[in-house]
Every structure is written in C-alpha cells, then in structure tokens.
Amino acid sequence: MKRIDLLVCTLLSTAIAMVSAPDAQAASATVAKNFQNGLCLVPASTASGAFLQQGSCTADASQLWQVEYVDKLGFNTPGTAYFRLRNKQSDLCADLETASANNGIKLVQRACSLSTTQQWAAPTQGVFVYATNTTYPVGESAKPYQGFSNRFSGKCIDAPPDTTPVQQWTCGSNNNQRWFIAD
C-alpha cells in the first residue's frame, strides 16, 4: 500500500510541476522599437523592478526581447492572443509597476509569471502602421508597427517623447503607441 501511495504522490507531483511551470521556450529575441522616435525598449538595469525606458537601438542583449505566447494555462502556444516579453539579458518580463488600469502606470521588469499584468496582445483588427522613415536600417522600413495592450488594464504601451520610463495609456492611434516586435 505504501508503494502505491508513493507512486501516486510522485505522479501527482510531476503533473503539478508540469502544469504550474510555463513552457518558457520562445522564438529568437528581437528589439522592441517605437515608431514615433525610433528608440528601443530597454530596462534601466538588470534588477527586478527596474523601469523600462527607451534608448538608442544597439541590439545589445539588454534590448533584446523574446515573445512568449501564453494560453490560459500559461503554456507557450504560438497563435494565442496573449504573449509575454522576456528580456534576454535579465531573463525578466515586462510588467506593470502596479496592478492598475490608470493612465501613466510605468512599465517595469519582474520575474516572469502568469500574471495578467505581464500579458500583452496585438489589436484584433490588425491595425498596422508601416514605417517609411529612411533613417531605419535597410529592410526595416516595411515592417509593421502596432500597438500592444495589457491584458489586465486594457491600456497600451506608450512612449513619452523622451527616454523616461514607458507607461500604459488609453490605446489610440498615436505613433508613440506603435511598436515593432518580431515574433
């Protein structure tokens, strides 16, 4: 009887671990570039809680993000509506500073979780803005830029006019809310 109990406990523990640990496999990492100013999303440091801000695009590891699609169980499932952004250097995910739907809440990086404050979606209407700015690297001018809304708040990633931390703001058609993120 003890042997069966041990086997059942082992199987149950394995099943729980498989369900609670999201599949963190993702596509290759890419920059997240803002359409309006051509700056890239970068954490202020590698620390948990560091603000996400903008900086000149260099494609160094601190500016590279992995797109990890998450379904309602948290598994990496390409084609689902929501995804996380995991920073390649810090291995932390883009998150809201506080769980709030207010405009102006800053974005930070934190340990990746299934929190809806770390889940983002592209618009379902497929609204794309194509960059025509010739200062972008060759071949990048035809890539689609679009807004990304937070699952918790419904607000979009918004880039202030300078390099201060990015924030969430009511989604609109402004170019400061348009980003290019390859997946």
N, C-alpha and C. Protein backbone atom coordinates (compact mmCIF):
# COMPACT_ATOMS: atom_id res chain seq x y z
N MET A 1 0.82 -1.19 0.00
CA MET A 1 0.00 0.00 0.00
C MET A 1 0.87 1.26 0.00
N LYS A 2 1.96 1.25 0.80
CA LYS A 2 2.84 2.42 0.84
C LYS A 2 3.50 2.66 -0.51
N ARG A 3 3.81 1.60 -1.23
CA ARG A 3 4.43 1.73 -2.53
C ARG A 3 3.47 2.41 -3.51
N ILE A 4 2.19 2.07 -3.47
CA ILE A 4 1.19 2.69 -4.34
C ILE A 4 1.01 4.16 -3.97
N ASP A 5 0.95 4.43 -2.66
CA ASP A 5 0.82 5.82 -2.21
C ASP A 5 2.01 6.66 -2.70
N LEU A 6 3.21 6.11 -2.63
CA LEU A 6 4.40 6.81 -3.06
C LEU A 6 4.35 7.06 -4.57
N LEU A 7 3.92 6.07 -5.34
CA LEU A 7 3.81 6.20 -6.79
C LEU A 7 2.79 7.27 -7.15
N VAL A 8 1.63 7.27 -6.48
CA VAL A 8 0.59 8.25 -6.74
C VAL A 8 1.10 9.66 -6.40
N CYS A 9 1.77 9.81 -5.28
CA CYS A 9 2.32 11.12 -4.88
C CYS A 9 3.36 11.60 -5.89
N THR A 10 4.22 10.70 -6.35
CA THR A 10 5.23 11.07 -7.33
C THR A 10 4.59 11.52 -8.63
N LEU A 11 3.61 10.76 -9.12
CA LEU A 11 2.92 11.12 -10.37
C LEU A 11 2.18 12.45 -10.22
N LEU A 12 1.52 12.63 -9.09
CA LEU A 12 0.80 13.87 -8.85
C LEU A 12 1.75 15.06 -8.79
N SER A 13 2.87 14.91 -8.11
CA SER A 13 3.86 15.99 -8.03
C SER A 13 4.39 16.35 -9.40
N THR A 14 4.67 15.35 -10.22
CA THR A 14 5.15 15.59 -11.58
C THR A 14 4.11 16.32 -12.39
N ALA A 15 2.86 15.91 -12.31
CA ALA A 15 1.78 16.56 -13.07
C ALA A 15 1.60 18.00 -12.64
N ILE A 16 1.64 18.27 -11.34
CA ILE A 16 1.50 19.64 -10.84
C ILE A 16 2.66 20.49 -11.33
N ALA A 17 3.86 19.97 -11.28
CA ALA A 17 5.03 20.72 -11.75
C ALA A 17 4.91 21.05 -13.23
N MET A 18 4.39 20.12 -14.02
CA MET A 18 4.25 20.36 -15.45
C MET A 18 3.21 21.43 -15.74
N VAL A 19 2.13 21.46 -14.99
CA VAL A 19 1.08 22.44 -15.22
C VAL A 19 1.48 23.81 -14.68
N SER A 20 2.16 23.86 -13.55
CA SER A 20 2.46 25.15 -12.94
C SER A 20 3.70 25.83 -13.51
N ALA A 21 4.54 25.11 -14.22
CA ALA A 21 5.73 25.71 -14.80
C ALA A 21 5.50 25.96 -16.28
N PRO A 22 5.27 27.23 -16.68
CA PRO A 22 5.01 27.52 -18.07
C PRO A 22 6.20 27.16 -18.96
N ASP A 23 5.89 26.74 -20.15
CA ASP A 23 6.91 26.43 -21.14
C ASP A 23 7.55 27.75 -21.56
N ALA A 24 8.77 27.97 -21.20
CA ALA A 24 9.42 29.25 -21.46
C ALA A 24 10.16 29.29 -22.79
N GLN A 25 9.98 28.27 -23.62
CA GLN A 25 10.62 28.30 -24.91
C GLN A 25 10.01 29.41 -25.74
N ALA A 26 10.85 30.15 -26.45
CA ALA A 26 10.35 31.27 -27.24
C ALA A 26 11.15 31.38 -28.52
N ALA A 27 10.63 32.21 -29.39
CA ALA A 27 11.33 32.49 -30.63
C ALA A 27 12.62 33.25 -30.31
N SER A 28 13.42 33.46 -31.32
CA SER A 28 14.64 34.22 -31.08
C SER A 28 14.29 35.62 -30.61
N ALA A 29 15.22 36.26 -29.96
CA ALA A 29 14.98 37.56 -29.37
C ALA A 29 15.08 38.67 -30.43
N THR A 30 14.34 39.75 -30.20
CA THR A 30 14.31 40.88 -31.12
C THR A 30 14.20 42.18 -30.32
N VAL A 31 14.47 43.29 -30.96
CA VAL A 31 14.27 44.59 -30.31
C VAL A 31 12.79 44.96 -30.37
N ALA A 32 12.39 45.84 -29.46
CA ALA A 32 11.05 46.44 -29.49
C ALA A 32 11.27 47.92 -29.79
N LYS A 33 10.99 48.31 -31.02
CA LYS A 33 11.32 49.66 -31.49
C LYS A 33 10.06 50.50 -31.63
N ASN A 34 10.11 51.73 -31.11
CA ASN A 34 8.98 52.64 -31.20
C ASN A 34 8.96 53.33 -32.56
N PHE A 35 7.77 53.44 -33.14
CA PHE A 35 7.63 54.02 -34.47
C PHE A 35 7.89 55.52 -34.48
N GLN A 36 7.40 56.22 -33.46
CA GLN A 36 7.48 57.69 -33.48
C GLN A 36 8.91 58.19 -33.37
N ASN A 37 9.70 57.62 -32.47
CA ASN A 37 11.03 58.16 -32.23
C ASN A 37 12.17 57.22 -32.61
N GLY A 38 11.88 55.99 -33.01
CA GLY A 38 12.92 55.06 -33.42
C GLY A 38 13.77 54.53 -32.28
N LEU A 39 13.36 54.79 -31.03
CA LEU A 39 14.12 54.29 -29.88
C LEU A 39 13.64 52.90 -29.49
N CYS A 40 14.50 52.15 -28.82
CA CYS A 40 14.19 50.78 -28.42
C CYS A 40 13.88 50.67 -26.93
N LEU A 41 13.06 49.69 -26.60
CA LEU A 41 12.70 49.41 -25.21
C LEU A 41 13.87 48.73 -24.51
N VAL A 42 14.25 49.26 -23.34
CA VAL A 42 15.40 48.72 -22.61
C VAL A 42 15.17 48.92 -21.11
N PRO A 43 15.49 47.92 -20.28
CA PRO A 43 15.39 48.12 -18.83
C PRO A 43 16.48 49.07 -18.35
N ALA A 44 16.18 49.83 -17.29
CA ALA A 44 17.17 50.75 -16.71
C ALA A 44 18.34 49.98 -16.10
N SER A 45 18.11 48.74 -15.68
CA SER A 45 19.16 47.87 -15.14
C SER A 45 18.68 46.43 -15.26
N THR A 46 19.47 45.48 -14.79
CA THR A 46 19.05 44.07 -14.83
C THR A 46 18.25 43.68 -13.61
N ALA A 47 18.03 44.59 -12.68
CA ALA A 47 17.33 44.29 -11.42
C ALA A 47 15.83 44.12 -11.62
N SER A 48 15.24 43.27 -10.81
CA SER A 48 13.79 43.15 -10.79
C SER A 48 13.22 44.48 -10.28
N GLY A 49 12.20 44.98 -10.94
CA GLY A 49 11.59 46.25 -10.57
C GLY A 49 12.17 47.43 -11.32
N ALA A 50 13.21 47.21 -12.14
CA ALA A 50 13.80 48.30 -12.93
C ALA A 50 12.79 48.79 -13.95
N PHE A 51 12.71 50.10 -14.11
CA PHE A 51 11.81 50.69 -15.10
C PHE A 51 12.23 50.31 -16.51
N LEU A 52 11.25 50.21 -17.41
CA LEU A 52 11.54 50.04 -18.83
C LEU A 52 11.51 51.42 -19.45
N GLN A 53 12.56 51.74 -20.14
CA GLN A 53 12.69 53.05 -20.76
C GLN A 53 13.08 52.88 -22.22
N GLN A 54 13.42 53.98 -22.87
CA GLN A 54 13.82 53.93 -24.27
C GLN A 54 15.27 54.35 -24.39
N GLY A 55 15.95 53.78 -25.37
CA GLY A 55 17.33 54.14 -25.63
C GLY A 55 17.65 53.92 -27.11
N SER A 56 18.76 54.47 -27.55
CA SER A 56 19.19 54.26 -28.93
C SER A 56 19.31 52.77 -29.19
N CYS A 57 18.85 52.33 -30.33
CA CYS A 57 18.85 50.91 -30.66
C CYS A 57 20.27 50.44 -30.99
N THR A 58 20.73 49.46 -30.22
CA THR A 58 22.06 48.89 -30.44
C THR A 58 21.99 47.38 -30.63
N ALA A 59 20.82 46.79 -30.34
CA ALA A 59 20.61 45.34 -30.41
C ALA A 59 21.52 44.59 -29.45
N ASP A 60 21.98 45.25 -28.39
CA ASP A 60 22.75 44.52 -27.38
C ASP A 60 21.75 43.72 -26.54
N ALA A 61 22.23 42.78 -25.77
CA ALA A 61 21.35 41.82 -25.06
C ALA A 61 20.32 42.50 -24.17
N SER A 62 20.64 43.70 -23.65
CA SER A 62 19.69 44.39 -22.77
C SER A 62 18.47 44.89 -23.54
N GLN A 63 18.58 45.01 -24.87
CA GLN A 63 17.47 45.49 -25.70
C GLN A 63 16.74 44.37 -26.41
N LEU A 64 17.17 43.15 -26.21
CA LEU A 64 16.54 42.03 -26.92
C LEU A 64 15.44 41.41 -26.07
N TRP A 65 14.33 41.14 -26.69
CA TRP A 65 13.15 40.59 -26.02
C TRP A 65 12.69 39.34 -26.73
N GLN A 66 12.27 38.36 -25.96
CA GLN A 66 11.68 37.15 -26.51
C GLN A 66 10.16 37.26 -26.36
N VAL A 67 9.46 36.92 -27.42
CA VAL A 67 8.00 36.91 -27.40
C VAL A 67 7.58 35.50 -26.99
N GLU A 68 6.91 35.38 -25.86
CA GLU A 68 6.46 34.08 -25.35
C GLU A 68 4.94 34.08 -25.30
N TYR A 69 4.34 33.36 -26.23
CA TYR A 69 2.88 33.26 -26.25
C TYR A 69 2.41 32.43 -25.07
N VAL A 70 1.35 32.89 -24.44
CA VAL A 70 0.80 32.16 -23.29
C VAL A 70 -0.69 31.93 -23.51
N ASP A 71 -1.13 30.71 -23.26
CA ASP A 71 -2.55 30.43 -23.30
C ASP A 71 -3.08 30.52 -21.88
N LYS A 72 -4.33 30.17 -21.68
CA LYS A 72 -4.90 30.36 -20.34
C LYS A 72 -4.26 29.47 -19.29
N LEU A 73 -3.55 28.43 -19.69
CA LEU A 73 -2.82 27.60 -18.73
C LEU A 73 -1.38 28.05 -18.58
N GLY A 74 -0.97 29.01 -19.40
CA GLY A 74 0.38 29.54 -19.29
C GLY A 74 1.40 28.86 -20.17
N PHE A 75 0.95 27.97 -21.04
CA PHE A 75 1.91 27.29 -21.90
C PHE A 75 2.25 28.14 -23.12
N ASN A 76 3.45 28.00 -23.61
CA ASN A 76 3.92 28.71 -24.78
C ASN A 76 3.19 28.15 -26.00
N THR A 77 2.21 28.89 -26.48
CA THR A 77 1.38 28.42 -27.58
C THR A 77 1.31 29.50 -28.66
N PRO A 78 2.16 29.43 -29.69
CA PRO A 78 2.09 30.42 -30.77
C PRO A 78 0.68 30.49 -31.35
N GLY A 79 0.26 31.70 -31.67
CA GLY A 79 -1.06 31.89 -32.24
C GLY A 79 -2.12 32.26 -31.22
N THR A 80 -1.81 32.16 -29.92
CA THR A 80 -2.77 32.59 -28.92
C THR A 80 -2.76 34.12 -28.88
N ALA A 81 -3.76 34.68 -28.27
CA ALA A 81 -3.92 36.13 -28.29
C ALA A 81 -2.89 36.87 -27.43
N TYR A 82 -2.38 36.24 -26.38
CA TYR A 82 -1.54 36.96 -25.43
C TYR A 82 -0.10 36.44 -25.43
N PHE A 83 0.80 37.35 -25.08
CA PHE A 83 2.21 36.98 -25.01
C PHE A 83 2.88 37.78 -23.90
N ARG A 84 4.02 37.27 -23.45
CA ARG A 84 4.89 37.98 -22.51
C ARG A 84 6.11 38.46 -23.29
N LEU A 85 6.75 39.50 -22.76
CA LEU A 85 8.02 39.97 -23.30
C LEU A 85 9.09 39.69 -22.27
N ARG A 86 10.01 38.77 -22.59
CA ARG A 86 11.09 38.39 -21.67
C ARG A 86 12.40 39.01 -22.16
N ASN A 87 13.06 39.76 -21.29
CA ASN A 87 14.32 40.39 -21.65
C ASN A 87 15.43 39.35 -21.69
N LYS A 88 16.19 39.37 -22.77
CA LYS A 88 17.23 38.36 -22.96
C LYS A 88 18.35 38.47 -21.92
N GLN A 89 18.73 39.68 -21.54
CA GLN A 89 19.83 39.84 -20.60
C GLN A 89 19.41 39.53 -19.15
N SER A 90 18.29 40.08 -18.72
CA SER A 90 17.88 39.93 -17.31
C SER A 90 17.04 38.68 -17.07
N ASP A 91 16.44 38.12 -18.12
CA ASP A 91 15.53 36.98 -18.01
C ASP A 91 14.28 37.34 -17.20
N LEU A 92 13.92 38.63 -17.19
CA LEU A 92 12.72 39.11 -16.51
C LEU A 92 11.72 39.59 -17.56
N CYS A 93 10.45 39.69 -17.16
CA CYS A 93 9.38 40.04 -18.11
C CYS A 93 8.84 41.44 -17.88
N ALA A 94 8.37 42.04 -18.98
CA ALA A 94 7.72 43.36 -18.91
C ALA A 94 6.44 43.23 -18.09
N ASP A 95 6.25 44.17 -17.16
CA ASP A 95 5.13 44.12 -16.22
C ASP A 95 4.69 45.55 -15.91
N LEU A 96 3.50 45.69 -15.35
CA LEU A 96 3.06 46.99 -14.86
C LEU A 96 3.66 47.22 -13.48
N GLU A 97 4.04 48.45 -13.17
CA GLU A 97 4.60 48.75 -11.86
C GLU A 97 3.60 48.41 -10.76
N THR A 98 2.34 48.73 -10.97
CA THR A 98 1.26 48.35 -10.04
C THR A 98 0.10 47.83 -10.86
N ALA A 99 -0.68 46.94 -10.29
CA ALA A 99 -1.85 46.39 -10.97
C ALA A 99 -2.96 47.44 -10.94
N SER A 100 -2.94 48.30 -11.94
CA SER A 100 -3.88 49.41 -12.02
C SER A 100 -4.24 49.67 -13.48
N ALA A 101 -5.46 50.11 -13.70
CA ALA A 101 -5.89 50.47 -15.05
C ALA A 101 -5.73 51.97 -15.30
N ASN A 102 -5.09 52.68 -14.39
CA ASN A 102 -4.90 54.12 -14.56
C ASN A 102 -3.88 54.43 -15.64
N ASN A 103 -4.09 55.54 -16.34
CA ASN A 103 -3.09 56.04 -17.28
C ASN A 103 -1.85 56.44 -16.51
N GLY A 104 -0.68 56.29 -17.13
CA GLY A 104 0.56 56.75 -16.52
C GLY A 104 1.28 55.72 -15.66
N ILE A 105 0.71 54.53 -15.49
CA ILE A 105 1.41 53.48 -14.73
C ILE A 105 2.64 53.06 -15.53
N LYS A 106 3.79 53.11 -14.89
CA LYS A 106 5.06 52.80 -15.56
C LYS A 106 5.22 51.30 -15.77
N LEU A 107 6.01 50.94 -16.77
CA LEU A 107 6.35 49.54 -17.01
C LEU A 107 7.68 49.24 -16.34
N VAL A 108 7.77 48.06 -15.75
CA VAL A 108 8.98 47.58 -15.09
C VAL A 108 9.25 46.16 -15.59
N GLN A 109 10.34 45.58 -15.14
CA GLN A 109 10.59 44.15 -15.40
C GLN A 109 10.57 43.41 -14.07
N ARG A 110 9.97 42.22 -14.11
CA ARG A 110 9.89 41.38 -12.91
C ARG A 110 10.03 39.92 -13.32
N ALA A 111 10.18 39.06 -12.30
CA ALA A 111 10.22 37.62 -12.57
C ALA A 111 8.99 37.25 -13.37
N CYS A 112 9.18 36.47 -14.41
CA CYS A 112 8.09 36.09 -15.29
C CYS A 112 7.08 35.22 -14.54
N SER A 113 5.82 35.51 -14.78
CA SER A 113 4.74 34.76 -14.14
C SER A 113 3.56 34.71 -15.11
N LEU A 114 2.47 34.16 -14.63
CA LEU A 114 1.25 34.13 -15.45
C LEU A 114 0.33 35.30 -15.13
N SER A 115 0.81 36.27 -14.37
CA SER A 115 0.02 37.45 -14.03
C SER A 115 -0.47 38.13 -15.30
N THR A 116 -1.73 38.54 -15.31
CA THR A 116 -2.26 39.24 -16.49
C THR A 116 -1.61 40.61 -16.68
N THR A 117 -0.93 41.13 -15.65
CA THR A 117 -0.20 42.39 -15.81
C THR A 117 1.05 42.21 -16.67
N GLN A 118 1.44 40.96 -16.93
CA GLN A 118 2.60 40.66 -17.79
C GLN A 118 2.18 40.16 -19.16
N GLN A 119 0.89 40.17 -19.44
CA GLN A 119 0.41 39.64 -20.72
C GLN A 119 -0.03 40.78 -21.63
N TRP A 120 0.36 40.67 -22.88
CA TRP A 120 0.12 41.72 -23.88
C TRP A 120 -0.57 41.11 -25.09
N ALA A 121 -1.29 41.94 -25.82
CA ALA A 121 -1.97 41.48 -27.03
C ALA A 121 -1.84 42.53 -28.12
N ALA A 122 -1.80 42.05 -29.35
CA ALA A 122 -1.85 42.95 -30.50
C ALA A 122 -3.32 43.18 -30.82
N PRO A 123 -3.66 44.29 -31.47
CA PRO A 123 -5.06 44.55 -31.77
C PRO A 123 -5.64 43.49 -32.70
N THR A 124 -6.88 43.11 -32.44
CA THR A 124 -7.51 42.07 -33.25
C THR A 124 -7.87 42.56 -34.64
N GLN A 125 -7.98 43.88 -34.81
CA GLN A 125 -8.32 44.42 -36.13
C GLN A 125 -7.13 44.39 -37.08
N GLY A 126 -5.96 44.07 -36.59
CA GLY A 126 -4.78 44.03 -37.44
C GLY A 126 -4.36 45.42 -37.91
N VAL A 127 -4.45 46.40 -37.03
CA VAL A 127 -4.07 47.77 -37.38
C VAL A 127 -2.55 47.84 -37.43
N PHE A 128 -2.03 48.10 -38.61
CA PHE A 128 -0.58 48.21 -38.78
C PHE A 128 -0.24 49.60 -39.30
N VAL A 129 0.88 50.12 -38.87
CA VAL A 129 1.43 51.35 -39.42
C VAL A 129 2.78 50.95 -40.00
N TYR A 130 2.98 51.23 -41.26
CA TYR A 130 4.25 50.85 -41.88
C TYR A 130 5.22 52.03 -41.83
N ALA A 131 6.41 51.77 -41.32
CA ALA A 131 7.41 52.82 -41.19
C ALA A 131 7.95 53.21 -42.55
N THR A 132 8.04 54.48 -42.79
CA THR A 132 8.63 54.97 -44.03
C THR A 132 9.85 55.84 -43.75
N ASN A 133 10.24 55.93 -42.50
CA ASN A 133 11.37 56.75 -42.11
C ASN A 133 12.66 56.11 -42.62
N THR A 134 13.36 56.82 -43.49
CA THR A 134 14.55 56.26 -44.12
C THR A 134 15.75 56.17 -43.18
N THR A 135 15.63 56.66 -41.94
CA THR A 135 16.75 56.54 -41.02
C THR A 135 16.81 55.15 -40.38
N TYR A 136 15.79 54.33 -40.58
CA TYR A 136 15.82 52.97 -40.05
C TYR A 136 16.77 52.13 -40.90
N PRO A 137 17.32 51.07 -40.32
CA PRO A 137 18.24 50.21 -41.08
C PRO A 137 17.57 49.66 -42.34
N VAL A 138 18.37 49.36 -43.32
CA VAL A 138 17.87 48.82 -44.59
C VAL A 138 16.99 47.60 -44.34
N GLY A 139 15.87 47.55 -45.00
CA GLY A 139 14.96 46.41 -44.88
C GLY A 139 13.97 46.54 -43.75
N GLU A 140 14.13 47.52 -42.88
CA GLU A 140 13.23 47.64 -41.74
C GLU A 140 12.06 48.56 -42.02
N SER A 141 12.12 49.35 -43.09
CA SER A 141 11.09 50.34 -43.35
C SER A 141 9.74 49.71 -43.69
N ALA A 142 9.72 48.48 -44.11
CA ALA A 142 8.46 47.84 -44.50
C ALA A 142 7.87 46.97 -43.39
N LYS A 143 8.46 46.97 -42.21
CA LYS A 143 7.96 46.11 -41.14
C LYS A 143 6.77 46.75 -40.44
N PRO A 144 5.80 45.94 -40.00
CA PRO A 144 4.61 46.51 -39.36
C PRO A 144 4.87 46.93 -37.92
N TYR A 145 4.35 48.07 -37.57
CA TYR A 145 4.38 48.58 -36.21
C TYR A 145 2.94 48.55 -35.71
N GLN A 146 2.72 48.16 -34.47
CA GLN A 146 1.36 48.15 -33.94
C GLN A 146 1.36 48.36 -32.44
N GLY A 147 0.18 48.67 -31.94
CA GLY A 147 0.02 48.87 -30.51
C GLY A 147 -0.09 47.55 -29.78
N PHE A 148 0.32 47.52 -28.52
CA PHE A 148 0.22 46.33 -27.69
C PHE A 148 -0.49 46.69 -26.40
N SER A 149 -1.62 46.03 -26.15
CA SER A 149 -2.41 46.34 -24.97
C SER A 149 -2.20 45.31 -23.88
N ASN A 150 -2.28 45.79 -22.64
CA ASN A 150 -2.10 44.93 -21.47
C ASN A 150 -3.39 44.17 -21.18
N ARG A 151 -3.28 42.90 -20.89
CA ARG A 151 -4.45 42.07 -20.62
C ARG A 151 -5.20 42.52 -19.36
N PHE A 152 -4.48 42.93 -18.33
CA PHE A 152 -5.10 43.34 -17.08
C PHE A 152 -5.84 44.67 -17.24
N SER A 153 -5.15 45.67 -17.78
CA SER A 153 -5.69 47.03 -17.80
C SER A 153 -6.39 47.42 -19.10
N GLY A 154 -6.05 46.74 -20.19
CA GLY A 154 -6.59 47.13 -21.49
C GLY A 154 -5.91 48.36 -22.07
N LYS A 155 -4.88 48.87 -21.38
CA LYS A 155 -4.15 50.06 -21.84
C LYS A 155 -2.96 49.64 -22.69
N CYS A 156 -2.47 50.58 -23.50
CA CYS A 156 -1.38 50.28 -24.42
C CYS A 156 -0.03 50.79 -23.91
N ILE A 157 1.05 50.13 -24.39
CA ILE A 157 2.40 50.58 -24.09
C ILE A 157 2.59 51.92 -24.81
N ASP A 158 2.95 52.94 -24.06
CA ASP A 158 3.01 54.31 -24.54
C ASP A 158 4.40 54.88 -24.29
N ALA A 159 5.01 55.45 -25.31
CA ALA A 159 6.35 56.02 -25.18
C ALA A 159 6.27 57.53 -25.02
N PRO A 160 6.73 58.07 -23.88
CA PRO A 160 6.82 59.52 -23.73
C PRO A 160 7.79 60.07 -24.79
N PRO A 161 7.80 61.39 -24.99
CA PRO A 161 8.64 61.96 -26.05
C PRO A 161 10.14 61.89 -25.75
N ASP A 162 10.52 61.53 -24.55
CA ASP A 162 11.95 61.44 -24.22
C ASP A 162 12.27 60.01 -23.79
N THR A 163 13.37 59.80 -23.11
CA THR A 163 13.78 58.44 -22.73
C THR A 163 13.27 58.03 -21.36
N THR A 164 12.38 58.81 -20.76
CA THR A 164 11.82 58.45 -19.46
C THR A 164 11.09 57.12 -19.56
N PRO A 165 10.79 56.49 -18.42
CA PRO A 165 10.13 55.18 -18.48
C PRO A 165 8.86 55.17 -19.32
N VAL A 166 8.68 54.09 -20.06
CA VAL A 166 7.44 53.93 -20.82
C VAL A 166 6.31 53.66 -19.83
N GLN A 167 5.11 53.88 -20.28
CA GLN A 167 3.94 53.79 -19.41
C GLN A 167 2.79 53.15 -20.16
N GLN A 168 1.71 52.91 -19.45
CA GLN A 168 0.49 52.48 -20.12
C GLN A 168 -0.42 53.71 -20.25
N TRP A 169 -1.17 53.72 -21.35
CA TRP A 169 -2.08 54.83 -21.60
C TRP A 169 -3.24 54.30 -22.43
N THR A 170 -4.35 55.00 -22.37
CA THR A 170 -5.50 54.61 -23.18
C THR A 170 -5.06 54.43 -24.62
N CYS A 171 -5.42 53.31 -25.21
CA CYS A 171 -4.99 52.99 -26.58
C CYS A 171 -5.60 53.99 -27.57
N GLY A 172 -4.77 54.43 -28.48
CA GLY A 172 -5.20 55.36 -29.52
C GLY A 172 -4.44 55.09 -30.80
N SER A 173 -4.49 56.02 -31.70
CA SER A 173 -3.82 55.83 -32.99
C SER A 173 -2.51 56.60 -33.08
N ASN A 174 -2.02 57.10 -31.95
CA ASN A 174 -0.78 57.87 -31.96
C ASN A 174 0.42 56.98 -32.22
N ASN A 175 1.39 57.50 -32.94
CA ASN A 175 2.58 56.72 -33.30
C ASN A 175 3.45 56.38 -32.10
N ASN A 176 3.31 57.10 -30.97
CA ASN A 176 4.11 56.77 -29.79
C ASN A 176 3.62 55.48 -29.13
N GLN A 177 2.49 54.93 -29.60
CA GLN A 177 1.99 53.65 -29.12
C GLN A 177 2.19 52.54 -30.14
N ARG A 178 2.93 52.79 -31.17
CA ARG A 178 3.20 51.79 -32.21
C ARG A 178 4.60 51.25 -32.02
N TRP A 179 4.72 49.93 -31.99
CA TRP A 179 5.99 49.25 -31.76
C TRP A 179 6.19 48.18 -32.80
N PHE A 180 7.45 47.92 -33.12
CA PHE A 180 7.78 46.77 -33.95
C PHE A 180 8.42 45.72 -33.06
N ILE A 181 7.80 44.57 -32.98
CA ILE A 181 8.35 43.44 -32.25
C ILE A 181 8.16 42.22 -33.14
N ALA A 182 9.24 41.62 -33.59
CA ALA A 182 9.15 40.43 -34.43
C ALA A 182 8.85 39.24 -33.53
N ASP A 183 8.10 38.30 -34.03
CA ASP A 183 7.87 37.07 -33.24
C ASP A 183 8.21 35.85 -34.05
